[in-house]
């Protein structure tokens, strides 16, 4: 999971040769996950099977406010930091190797993603396999979403008003009547303006 979270930052570096703040949330999640491996799940050979830090949770209005109390020494805190950094660094290196070896596939998938807008599980796996095996790729365009009902109703109402406006003898009075109808309708629905 940490390797996956590092993927965006690595791809930026690999493709654009620069790093942006775009992956900051992924880095935060990866760090929290690594911290949980060490401090909560006891997954460190150096620190052993022990939970580090006491959590006091208070639920107030549906929100969980946690107070992680430090129950270890400053020396142990340094070891925890080293272990977290070690996990993240190892995952970063392994993910870099994977993306470097598959750079051409990464670029092709990015091109397909631009065309299709969304690629989900099974489709992604199929595309990855097809690209790796030099199989032809068929782009699947997403169907355009129909306009929301409110937008359709607004369009219908404006076309009805336009038809009414144009049927009034072609005189200058027609546009005035239409504006007046819209103003009256607005004041009936908007109590602030009345």
N, C-alpha and C. Protein backbone atom coordinates (compact mmCIF):
# COMPACT_ATOMS: atom_id res chain seq x y z
N UNK A 1 0.84 -1.20 0.00
CA UNK A 1 0.00 0.00 0.00
C UNK A 1 0.88 1.26 0.00
N UNK A 2 1.95 1.26 0.75
CA UNK A 2 2.84 2.43 0.78
C UNK A 2 3.49 2.63 -0.58
N UNK A 3 3.83 1.54 -1.26
CA UNK A 3 4.41 1.65 -2.60
C UNK A 3 3.43 2.34 -3.56
N UNK A 4 2.17 1.96 -3.46
CA UNK A 4 1.13 2.57 -4.30
C UNK A 4 1.03 4.06 -4.00
N UNK A 5 1.04 4.41 -2.71
CA UNK A 5 0.95 5.82 -2.31
C UNK A 5 2.15 6.63 -2.81
N UNK A 6 3.29 6.01 -2.95
CA UNK A 6 4.49 6.70 -3.43
C UNK A 6 4.49 6.86 -4.96
N UNK A 7 3.63 6.10 -5.65
CA UNK A 7 3.63 6.06 -7.11
C UNK A 7 3.46 7.41 -7.79
N UNK A 8 2.57 8.25 -7.28
CA UNK A 8 2.33 9.55 -7.91
C UNK A 8 3.56 10.44 -7.87
N UNK A 9 4.20 10.49 -6.72
CA UNK A 9 5.41 11.31 -6.58
C UNK A 9 6.52 10.78 -7.49
N UNK A 10 6.66 9.47 -7.55
CA UNK A 10 7.71 8.87 -8.38
C UNK A 10 7.43 9.13 -9.85
N UNK A 11 6.16 8.98 -10.27
CA UNK A 11 5.80 9.22 -11.67
C UNK A 11 6.08 10.66 -12.07
N UNK A 12 5.79 11.62 -11.18
CA UNK A 12 6.12 13.03 -11.45
C UNK A 12 7.60 13.20 -11.72
N UNK A 13 8.38 12.62 -10.86
CA UNK A 13 9.83 12.73 -10.98
C UNK A 13 10.34 12.04 -12.24
N UNK A 14 9.81 10.86 -12.52
CA UNK A 14 10.25 10.06 -13.65
C UNK A 14 9.86 10.69 -14.99
N UNK A 15 8.64 11.21 -15.09
CA UNK A 15 8.13 11.72 -16.36
C UNK A 15 8.47 13.20 -16.56
N UNK A 16 8.24 14.02 -15.53
CA UNK A 16 8.40 15.46 -15.68
C UNK A 16 9.71 15.99 -15.12
N UNK A 17 10.46 15.13 -14.45
CA UNK A 17 11.74 15.51 -13.87
C UNK A 17 11.60 16.66 -12.87
N UNK A 18 10.47 16.70 -12.19
CA UNK A 18 10.24 17.71 -11.16
C UNK A 18 9.27 17.14 -10.13
N UNK A 19 9.23 17.79 -9.00
CA UNK A 19 8.35 17.35 -7.91
C UNK A 19 7.45 18.52 -7.54
N UNK A 20 6.15 18.23 -7.40
CA UNK A 20 5.19 19.26 -7.01
C UNK A 20 4.57 18.87 -5.67
N UNK A 21 3.65 19.68 -5.21
CA UNK A 21 2.97 19.39 -3.94
C UNK A 21 1.79 18.45 -4.13
N UNK A 22 1.56 17.99 -5.34
CA UNK A 22 0.40 17.17 -5.65
C UNK A 22 0.32 15.87 -4.85
N UNK A 23 1.44 15.31 -4.47
CA UNK A 23 1.45 14.03 -3.77
C UNK A 23 1.48 14.18 -2.26
N UNK A 24 1.29 15.38 -1.75
CA UNK A 24 1.44 15.62 -0.30
C UNK A 24 0.49 14.77 0.53
N UNK A 25 -0.75 14.60 0.07
CA UNK A 25 -1.71 13.79 0.81
C UNK A 25 -1.29 12.32 0.83
N UNK A 26 -0.76 11.84 -0.30
CA UNK A 26 -0.28 10.46 -0.37
C UNK A 26 0.89 10.25 0.59
N UNK A 27 1.78 11.23 0.67
CA UNK A 27 2.93 11.12 1.58
C UNK A 27 2.45 11.10 3.02
N UNK A 28 1.47 11.92 3.32
CA UNK A 28 0.91 11.94 4.68
C UNK A 28 0.30 10.59 5.03
N UNK A 29 -0.47 10.01 4.11
CA UNK A 29 -1.08 8.70 4.35
C UNK A 29 -0.03 7.61 4.50
N UNK A 30 1.01 7.65 3.66
CA UNK A 30 2.07 6.65 3.73
C UNK A 30 2.81 6.74 5.06
N UNK A 31 3.06 7.96 5.52
CA UNK A 31 3.74 8.16 6.80
C UNK A 31 2.88 7.64 7.95
N UNK A 32 1.60 7.91 7.91
CA UNK A 32 0.68 7.44 8.96
C UNK A 32 0.60 5.92 8.96
N UNK A 33 0.58 5.33 7.78
CA UNK A 33 0.54 3.87 7.69
C UNK A 33 1.83 3.25 8.25
N UNK A 34 2.97 3.82 7.89
CA UNK A 34 4.25 3.33 8.41
C UNK A 34 4.32 3.51 9.93
N UNK A 35 3.82 4.64 10.43
CA UNK A 35 3.79 4.88 11.88
C UNK A 35 2.93 3.83 12.57
N UNK A 36 1.79 3.49 11.97
CA UNK A 36 0.93 2.45 12.54
C UNK A 36 1.63 1.10 12.54
N UNK A 37 2.36 0.78 11.47
CA UNK A 37 3.11 -0.49 11.45
C UNK A 37 4.04 -0.58 12.66
N UNK A 38 4.72 0.51 12.96
CA UNK A 38 5.71 0.52 14.04
C UNK A 38 5.06 0.69 15.41
N UNK A 39 4.23 1.71 15.55
CA UNK A 39 3.73 2.10 16.88
C UNK A 39 2.48 1.35 17.32
N UNK A 40 1.66 0.91 16.40
CA UNK A 40 0.39 0.28 16.78
C UNK A 40 0.43 -1.23 16.59
N UNK A 41 0.98 -1.69 15.46
CA UNK A 41 0.93 -3.11 15.14
C UNK A 41 2.17 -3.88 15.57
N UNK A 42 3.18 -3.21 16.11
CA UNK A 42 4.38 -3.87 16.59
C UNK A 42 5.17 -4.59 15.51
N UNK A 43 5.27 -3.99 14.32
CA UNK A 43 5.91 -4.65 13.18
C UNK A 43 7.36 -4.16 12.99
N UNK A 44 8.09 -4.04 14.08
CA UNK A 44 9.48 -3.61 14.00
C UNK A 44 10.34 -4.59 14.79
N UNK A 45 11.37 -5.12 14.12
CA UNK A 45 12.28 -6.02 14.83
C UNK A 45 13.07 -5.27 15.89
N UNK A 46 13.47 -4.03 15.60
CA UNK A 46 14.26 -3.25 16.56
C UNK A 46 13.45 -2.89 17.81
N UNK A 47 12.18 -2.54 17.61
CA UNK A 47 11.36 -2.06 18.72
C UNK A 47 10.48 -3.14 19.33
N UNK A 48 10.32 -4.25 18.64
CA UNK A 48 9.56 -5.36 19.19
C UNK A 48 8.06 -5.19 19.09
N UNK A 49 7.39 -6.19 19.63
CA UNK A 49 5.93 -6.23 19.58
C UNK A 49 5.37 -5.46 20.76
N UNK A 50 5.20 -4.19 20.54
CA UNK A 50 4.69 -3.32 21.60
C UNK A 50 4.00 -2.13 20.96
N UNK A 51 2.98 -1.63 21.59
CA UNK A 51 2.31 -0.41 21.12
C UNK A 51 3.01 0.78 21.75
N UNK A 52 3.33 1.76 20.92
CA UNK A 52 3.98 2.99 21.41
C UNK A 52 3.00 4.14 21.32
N UNK A 53 2.75 4.78 22.46
CA UNK A 53 1.81 5.89 22.54
C UNK A 53 0.47 5.41 23.04
N UNK A 54 -0.12 6.19 23.93
CA UNK A 54 -1.45 5.89 24.45
C UNK A 54 -2.45 6.77 23.72
N UNK A 55 -3.55 6.20 23.34
CA UNK A 55 -4.58 6.96 22.64
C UNK A 55 -5.78 7.12 23.54
N UNK A 56 -6.17 8.36 23.76
CA UNK A 56 -7.39 8.67 24.50
C UNK A 56 -8.34 9.31 23.51
N UNK A 57 -9.39 8.60 23.17
CA UNK A 57 -10.35 9.13 22.19
C UNK A 57 -11.55 9.70 22.90
N UNK A 58 -11.99 10.83 22.43
CA UNK A 58 -13.22 11.45 22.93
C UNK A 58 -14.10 11.73 21.73
N UNK A 59 -15.25 11.11 21.74
CA UNK A 59 -16.17 11.32 20.63
C UNK A 59 -17.11 12.45 21.02
N UNK A 60 -17.12 13.48 20.18
CA UNK A 60 -17.95 14.65 20.43
C UNK A 60 -18.58 15.06 19.11
N UNK A 61 -19.88 15.06 19.07
CA UNK A 61 -20.63 15.45 17.88
C UNK A 61 -20.19 14.66 16.65
N UNK A 62 -19.96 13.36 16.84
CA UNK A 62 -19.63 12.51 15.71
C UNK A 62 -18.20 12.60 15.25
N UNK A 63 -17.36 13.36 15.93
CA UNK A 63 -15.96 13.48 15.53
C UNK A 63 -15.09 12.84 16.60
N UNK A 64 -14.00 12.26 16.17
CA UNK A 64 -13.09 11.59 17.09
C UNK A 64 -11.87 12.48 17.30
N UNK A 65 -11.73 12.99 18.51
CA UNK A 65 -10.57 13.80 18.84
C UNK A 65 -9.61 12.92 19.63
N UNK A 66 -8.46 12.62 19.06
CA UNK A 66 -7.51 11.74 19.72
C UNK A 66 -6.39 12.55 20.34
N UNK A 67 -5.92 12.03 21.48
CA UNK A 67 -4.78 12.63 22.16
C UNK A 67 -3.76 11.52 22.34
N UNK A 68 -2.77 11.46 21.43
CA UNK A 68 -1.74 10.44 21.55
C UNK A 68 -0.72 10.90 22.58
N UNK A 69 -0.71 10.21 23.70
CA UNK A 69 0.24 10.54 24.76
C UNK A 69 1.50 9.73 24.55
N UNK A 70 2.62 10.38 24.69
CA UNK A 70 3.92 9.74 24.51
C UNK A 70 4.24 8.96 25.78
N UNK A 71 4.44 7.66 25.61
CA UNK A 71 4.79 6.82 26.75
C UNK A 71 6.14 6.13 26.52
N UNK A 72 7.03 6.84 25.86
CA UNK A 72 8.35 6.29 25.57
C UNK A 72 9.38 7.42 25.61
N UNK A 73 10.62 7.03 25.66
CA UNK A 73 11.71 8.00 25.82
C UNK A 73 12.04 8.70 24.50
N UNK A 74 12.82 9.75 24.60
CA UNK A 74 13.27 10.47 23.40
C UNK A 74 14.14 9.56 22.53
N UNK A 75 14.93 8.69 23.17
CA UNK A 75 15.77 7.72 22.44
C UNK A 75 14.88 6.79 21.61
N UNK A 76 13.78 6.32 22.21
CA UNK A 76 12.85 5.44 21.50
C UNK A 76 12.16 6.21 20.37
N UNK A 77 11.86 7.47 20.60
CA UNK A 77 11.25 8.31 19.56
C UNK A 77 12.16 8.39 18.33
N UNK A 78 13.46 8.49 18.56
CA UNK A 78 14.42 8.51 17.44
C UNK A 78 14.40 7.19 16.68
N UNK A 79 14.33 6.08 17.43
CA UNK A 79 14.25 4.76 16.79
C UNK A 79 12.96 4.62 15.97
N UNK A 80 11.86 5.12 16.52
CA UNK A 80 10.58 5.07 15.80
C UNK A 80 10.70 5.86 14.49
N UNK A 81 11.27 7.05 14.56
CA UNK A 81 11.45 7.87 13.35
C UNK A 81 12.32 7.16 12.33
N UNK A 82 13.40 6.52 12.79
CA UNK A 82 14.29 5.78 11.88
C UNK A 82 13.56 4.62 11.21
N UNK A 83 12.76 3.90 11.99
CA UNK A 83 12.01 2.77 11.45
C UNK A 83 10.98 3.23 10.41
N UNK A 84 10.28 4.31 10.72
CA UNK A 84 9.29 4.86 9.78
C UNK A 84 9.98 5.27 8.49
N UNK A 85 11.08 6.00 8.62
CA UNK A 85 11.84 6.44 7.44
C UNK A 85 12.35 5.24 6.64
N UNK A 86 12.80 4.20 7.34
CA UNK A 86 13.29 3.00 6.66
C UNK A 86 12.22 2.33 5.83
N UNK A 87 11.02 2.21 6.39
CA UNK A 87 9.91 1.59 5.66
C UNK A 87 9.57 2.42 4.43
N UNK A 88 9.45 3.72 4.62
CA UNK A 88 9.07 4.59 3.49
C UNK A 88 10.16 4.59 2.42
N UNK A 89 11.42 4.69 2.83
CA UNK A 89 12.53 4.69 1.87
C UNK A 89 12.58 3.39 1.07
N UNK A 90 12.40 2.25 1.75
CA UNK A 90 12.42 0.95 1.07
C UNK A 90 11.27 0.86 0.06
N UNK A 91 10.08 1.25 0.47
CA UNK A 91 8.92 1.22 -0.43
C UNK A 91 9.12 2.17 -1.61
N UNK A 92 9.70 3.34 -1.36
CA UNK A 92 9.95 4.31 -2.41
C UNK A 92 10.92 3.74 -3.45
N UNK A 93 11.99 3.10 -2.97
CA UNK A 93 12.97 2.51 -3.89
C UNK A 93 12.37 1.39 -4.72
N UNK A 94 11.58 0.51 -4.07
CA UNK A 94 10.96 -0.60 -4.79
C UNK A 94 9.94 -0.10 -5.81
N UNK A 95 9.15 0.90 -5.45
CA UNK A 95 8.17 1.47 -6.38
C UNK A 95 8.88 2.17 -7.54
N UNK A 96 10.01 2.83 -7.25
CA UNK A 96 10.79 3.48 -8.31
C UNK A 96 11.29 2.44 -9.31
N UNK A 97 11.79 1.32 -8.81
CA UNK A 97 12.25 0.24 -9.70
C UNK A 97 11.11 -0.26 -10.59
N UNK A 98 9.95 -0.47 -9.99
CA UNK A 98 8.79 -0.98 -10.75
C UNK A 98 8.40 0.01 -11.85
N UNK A 99 8.28 1.30 -11.49
CA UNK A 99 7.84 2.29 -12.48
C UNK A 99 8.92 2.55 -13.53
N UNK A 100 10.18 2.48 -13.15
CA UNK A 100 11.26 2.68 -14.12
C UNK A 100 11.26 1.55 -15.15
N UNK A 101 11.09 0.32 -14.68
CA UNK A 101 11.06 -0.83 -15.60
C UNK A 101 9.83 -0.78 -16.52
N UNK A 102 8.77 -0.16 -16.05
CA UNK A 102 7.51 -0.11 -16.81
C UNK A 102 7.18 1.30 -17.30
N UNK A 103 8.19 2.11 -17.54
CA UNK A 103 7.97 3.51 -17.91
C UNK A 103 7.16 3.64 -19.20
N UNK A 104 7.46 2.83 -20.21
CA UNK A 104 6.73 2.90 -21.48
C UNK A 104 5.25 2.55 -21.26
N UNK A 105 4.99 1.57 -20.42
CA UNK A 105 3.62 1.19 -20.11
C UNK A 105 2.93 2.32 -19.34
N UNK A 106 3.64 2.93 -18.41
CA UNK A 106 3.11 4.07 -17.64
C UNK A 106 2.68 5.19 -18.58
N UNK A 107 3.51 5.52 -19.54
CA UNK A 107 3.21 6.60 -20.49
C UNK A 107 1.98 6.23 -21.34
N UNK A 108 1.95 5.00 -21.84
CA UNK A 108 0.81 4.57 -22.67
C UNK A 108 -0.49 4.57 -21.86
N UNK A 109 -0.43 4.09 -20.60
CA UNK A 109 -1.62 4.11 -19.75
C UNK A 109 -2.09 5.53 -19.48
N UNK A 110 -1.16 6.46 -19.31
CA UNK A 110 -1.51 7.87 -19.09
C UNK A 110 -2.23 8.43 -20.33
N UNK A 111 -1.74 8.07 -21.51
CA UNK A 111 -2.38 8.52 -22.75
C UNK A 111 -3.81 7.97 -22.85
N UNK A 112 -3.99 6.71 -22.50
CA UNK A 112 -5.31 6.09 -22.54
C UNK A 112 -6.22 6.75 -21.51
N UNK A 113 -5.69 7.02 -20.33
CA UNK A 113 -6.47 7.66 -19.27
C UNK A 113 -6.97 9.03 -19.71
N UNK A 114 -6.15 9.78 -20.43
CA UNK A 114 -6.57 11.08 -20.95
C UNK A 114 -7.77 10.90 -21.88
N UNK A 115 -7.75 9.86 -22.70
CA UNK A 115 -8.85 9.61 -23.63
C UNK A 115 -10.10 9.09 -22.92
N UNK A 116 -9.92 8.12 -22.01
CA UNK A 116 -11.07 7.46 -21.39
C UNK A 116 -11.57 8.15 -20.12
N UNK A 117 -10.75 8.97 -19.52
CA UNK A 117 -11.06 9.73 -18.30
C UNK A 117 -11.08 8.88 -17.03
N UNK A 118 -11.57 7.66 -17.09
CA UNK A 118 -11.61 6.78 -15.92
C UNK A 118 -11.19 5.38 -16.37
N UNK A 119 -10.28 4.79 -15.60
CA UNK A 119 -9.91 3.39 -15.83
C UNK A 119 -10.01 2.70 -14.48
N UNK A 120 -10.84 1.67 -14.40
CA UNK A 120 -11.04 0.97 -13.14
C UNK A 120 -10.44 -0.43 -13.21
N UNK A 121 -10.34 -1.07 -12.07
CA UNK A 121 -9.73 -2.37 -11.81
C UNK A 121 -9.47 -3.30 -12.98
N UNK A 122 -10.51 -4.03 -13.39
CA UNK A 122 -10.34 -5.06 -14.42
C UNK A 122 -9.87 -4.44 -15.75
N UNK A 123 -10.40 -3.29 -16.08
CA UNK A 123 -9.99 -2.60 -17.31
C UNK A 123 -8.51 -2.24 -17.25
N UNK A 124 -8.06 -1.73 -16.10
CA UNK A 124 -6.65 -1.38 -15.94
C UNK A 124 -5.77 -2.61 -16.12
N UNK A 125 -6.14 -3.71 -15.48
CA UNK A 125 -5.34 -4.93 -15.58
C UNK A 125 -5.27 -5.43 -17.02
N UNK A 126 -6.41 -5.35 -17.73
CA UNK A 126 -6.44 -5.78 -19.12
C UNK A 126 -5.55 -4.88 -19.98
N UNK A 127 -5.66 -3.56 -19.78
CA UNK A 127 -4.82 -2.63 -20.54
C UNK A 127 -3.34 -2.88 -20.26
N UNK A 128 -2.99 -3.06 -19.01
CA UNK A 128 -1.60 -3.29 -18.63
C UNK A 128 -1.07 -4.53 -19.34
N UNK A 129 -1.86 -5.60 -19.31
CA UNK A 129 -1.46 -6.85 -19.96
C UNK A 129 -1.33 -6.66 -21.48
N UNK A 130 -2.31 -5.99 -22.09
CA UNK A 130 -2.28 -5.76 -23.54
C UNK A 130 -1.08 -4.93 -23.95
N UNK A 131 -0.76 -3.90 -23.18
CA UNK A 131 0.38 -3.04 -23.49
C UNK A 131 1.67 -3.84 -23.36
N UNK A 132 1.79 -4.62 -22.29
CA UNK A 132 2.99 -5.43 -22.07
C UNK A 132 3.19 -6.45 -23.19
N UNK A 133 2.08 -6.96 -23.74
CA UNK A 133 2.15 -7.99 -24.79
C UNK A 133 1.99 -7.43 -26.19
N UNK A 134 2.11 -6.11 -26.32
CA UNK A 134 2.00 -5.42 -27.61
C UNK A 134 0.72 -5.76 -28.36
N UNK A 135 -0.38 -5.88 -27.63
CA UNK A 135 -1.69 -6.14 -28.23
C UNK A 135 -2.33 -4.80 -28.62
N UNK A 136 -3.20 -4.81 -29.63
CA UNK A 136 -3.89 -3.56 -30.00
C UNK A 136 -4.83 -3.12 -28.87
N UNK A 137 -4.92 -1.81 -28.69
CA UNK A 137 -5.73 -1.23 -27.64
C UNK A 137 -6.92 -0.53 -28.27
N UNK A 138 -8.11 -0.82 -27.77
CA UNK A 138 -9.31 -0.14 -28.23
C UNK A 138 -9.74 0.83 -27.14
N UNK A 139 -9.77 2.11 -27.48
CA UNK A 139 -10.17 3.15 -26.52
C UNK A 139 -11.67 3.07 -26.30
N UNK A 140 -12.06 3.14 -25.03
CA UNK A 140 -13.47 3.12 -24.66
C UNK A 140 -13.85 4.50 -24.15
N UNK A 141 -14.50 5.26 -25.01
CA UNK A 141 -14.95 6.60 -24.61
C UNK A 141 -16.12 6.45 -23.64
N UNK A 142 -16.12 7.30 -22.62
CA UNK A 142 -17.24 7.31 -21.68
C UNK A 142 -18.42 7.99 -22.35
N UNK A 143 -19.63 7.46 -22.13
CA UNK A 143 -20.79 8.15 -22.70
C UNK A 143 -20.95 9.50 -22.01
N UNK A 144 -21.32 10.48 -22.81
CA UNK A 144 -21.50 11.81 -22.21
C UNK A 144 -22.71 11.76 -21.29
N UNK A 145 -22.58 12.41 -20.15
CA UNK A 145 -23.66 12.43 -19.17
C UNK A 145 -24.77 13.35 -19.64
N UNK A 146 -26.02 12.89 -19.53
CA UNK A 146 -27.12 13.80 -19.88
C UNK A 146 -27.15 14.95 -18.88
N UNK A 147 -27.67 16.08 -19.35
CA UNK A 147 -27.74 17.25 -18.48
C UNK A 147 -28.70 16.99 -17.34
N UNK A 148 -28.41 17.53 -16.16
CA UNK A 148 -29.33 17.36 -15.04
C UNK A 148 -30.72 17.91 -15.37
N UNK A 149 -31.76 17.36 -14.70
CA UNK A 149 -33.13 17.76 -14.98
C UNK A 149 -33.35 19.25 -14.80
N UNK A 150 -32.78 19.84 -13.76
CA UNK A 150 -32.97 21.27 -13.52
C UNK A 150 -32.46 22.09 -14.70
N UNK A 151 -31.33 21.67 -15.26
CA UNK A 151 -30.77 22.39 -16.41
C UNK A 151 -31.69 22.23 -17.63
N UNK A 152 -32.26 21.02 -17.81
CA UNK A 152 -33.18 20.78 -18.92
C UNK A 152 -34.44 21.63 -18.76
N UNK A 153 -34.95 21.73 -17.52
CA UNK A 153 -36.16 22.52 -17.27
C UNK A 153 -35.90 24.00 -17.53
N UNK A 154 -34.72 24.50 -17.12
CA UNK A 154 -34.37 25.89 -17.38
C UNK A 154 -34.34 26.16 -18.88
N UNK A 155 -33.74 25.22 -19.63
CA UNK A 155 -33.65 25.39 -21.08
C UNK A 155 -35.05 25.39 -21.70
N UNK A 156 -35.92 24.48 -21.25
CA UNK A 156 -37.29 24.41 -21.78
C UNK A 156 -38.06 25.69 -21.46
N UNK A 157 -37.91 26.19 -20.25
CA UNK A 157 -38.60 27.42 -19.85
C UNK A 157 -38.13 28.61 -20.69
N UNK A 158 -36.82 28.68 -20.93
CA UNK A 158 -36.32 29.82 -21.71
C UNK A 158 -36.75 29.72 -23.16
N UNK A 159 -36.86 28.50 -23.70
CA UNK A 159 -37.31 28.38 -25.09
C UNK A 159 -38.79 28.70 -25.19
N UNK A 160 -39.59 28.38 -24.17
CA UNK A 160 -41.01 28.74 -24.15
C UNK A 160 -41.16 30.24 -24.10
N UNK A 161 -40.38 30.90 -23.27
CA UNK A 161 -40.41 32.36 -23.17
C UNK A 161 -40.00 32.99 -24.49
N UNK A 162 -38.97 32.41 -25.13
CA UNK A 162 -38.52 32.95 -26.42
C UNK A 162 -39.60 32.81 -27.46
N UNK A 163 -40.29 31.66 -27.48
CA UNK A 163 -41.36 31.46 -28.46
C UNK A 163 -42.49 32.44 -28.21
N UNK A 164 -42.83 32.68 -26.95
CA UNK A 164 -43.88 33.63 -26.60
C UNK A 164 -43.47 35.03 -27.02
N UNK A 165 -42.21 35.38 -26.78
CA UNK A 165 -41.70 36.70 -27.12
C UNK A 165 -41.78 36.95 -28.61
N UNK A 166 -41.42 35.96 -29.41
CA UNK A 166 -41.35 36.18 -30.85
C UNK A 166 -42.73 36.17 -31.50
N UNK A 167 -43.75 35.63 -30.80
CA UNK A 167 -45.08 35.56 -31.41
C UNK A 167 -45.90 36.83 -31.20
N UNK A 168 -45.40 37.82 -30.50
CA UNK A 168 -46.16 39.03 -30.21
C UNK A 168 -45.95 40.08 -31.30
N UNK A 169 -46.51 39.87 -32.49
CA UNK A 169 -46.57 40.84 -33.59
C UNK A 169 -45.22 41.42 -34.01
N UNK A 170 -44.11 40.98 -33.48
CA UNK A 170 -42.83 41.55 -33.86
C UNK A 170 -42.65 42.96 -33.36
N UNK A 171 -43.51 43.45 -32.49
CA UNK A 171 -43.37 44.82 -32.00
C UNK A 171 -42.34 44.88 -30.89
N UNK A 172 -41.94 46.10 -30.52
CA UNK A 172 -40.99 46.31 -29.44
C UNK A 172 -41.59 45.95 -28.09
N UNK A 173 -42.89 45.80 -28.01
CA UNK A 173 -43.57 45.48 -26.77
C UNK A 173 -43.28 44.05 -26.32
N UNK A 174 -43.04 43.14 -27.25
CA UNK A 174 -42.84 41.73 -26.90
C UNK A 174 -41.67 41.54 -25.95
N UNK A 175 -40.49 42.08 -26.22
CA UNK A 175 -39.38 41.89 -25.28
C UNK A 175 -39.68 42.51 -23.92
N UNK A 176 -40.38 43.63 -23.89
CA UNK A 176 -40.72 44.26 -22.62
C UNK A 176 -41.64 43.37 -21.81
N UNK A 177 -42.64 42.78 -22.49
CA UNK A 177 -43.58 41.89 -21.80
C UNK A 177 -42.85 40.67 -21.24
N UNK A 178 -41.92 40.12 -22.02
CA UNK A 178 -41.18 38.94 -21.57
C UNK A 178 -40.34 39.27 -20.34
N UNK A 179 -39.65 40.44 -20.35
CA UNK A 179 -38.85 40.84 -19.19
C UNK A 179 -39.73 41.02 -17.97
N UNK A 180 -40.91 41.60 -18.18
CA UNK A 180 -41.83 41.84 -17.07
C UNK A 180 -42.32 40.50 -16.50
N UNK A 181 -42.63 39.52 -17.36
CA UNK A 181 -43.06 38.20 -16.91
C UNK A 181 -41.97 37.54 -16.06
N UNK A 182 -40.74 37.63 -16.53
CA UNK A 182 -39.63 37.02 -15.78
C UNK A 182 -39.44 37.72 -14.44
N UNK A 183 -39.57 39.05 -14.41
CA UNK A 183 -39.41 39.80 -13.16
C UNK A 183 -40.51 39.43 -12.17
N UNK A 184 -41.74 39.30 -12.66
CA UNK A 184 -42.85 38.92 -11.78
C UNK A 184 -42.64 37.51 -11.26
N UNK A 185 -42.24 36.61 -12.14
CA UNK A 185 -42.01 35.22 -11.73
C UNK A 185 -40.90 35.16 -10.69
N UNK A 186 -39.87 35.96 -10.85
CA UNK A 186 -38.75 35.96 -9.91
C UNK A 186 -39.19 36.48 -8.55
N UNK A 187 -39.98 37.53 -8.50
CA UNK A 187 -40.40 38.08 -7.22
C UNK A 187 -41.33 37.11 -6.48
N UNK A 188 -42.06 36.28 -7.22
CA UNK A 188 -42.93 35.29 -6.59
C UNK A 188 -42.10 34.18 -5.95
N UNK A 189 -40.96 33.85 -6.54
CA UNK A 189 -40.13 32.76 -6.02
C UNK A 189 -39.01 33.24 -5.13
N UNK A 190 -38.67 34.51 -5.15
CA UNK A 190 -37.56 35.04 -4.36
C UNK A 190 -38.08 36.12 -3.42
N UNK A 191 -38.41 35.77 -2.15
CA UNK A 191 -39.01 36.74 -1.23
C UNK A 191 -38.08 37.89 -0.88
N UNK A 192 -36.77 37.72 -1.04
CA UNK A 192 -35.82 38.77 -0.70
C UNK A 192 -35.95 39.96 -1.64
N UNK A 193 -36.20 39.69 -2.93
CA UNK A 193 -36.27 40.77 -3.90
C UNK A 193 -37.63 41.48 -3.91
N UNK A 194 -38.65 40.91 -3.22
CA UNK A 194 -39.96 41.54 -3.25
C UNK A 194 -40.13 42.56 -2.16
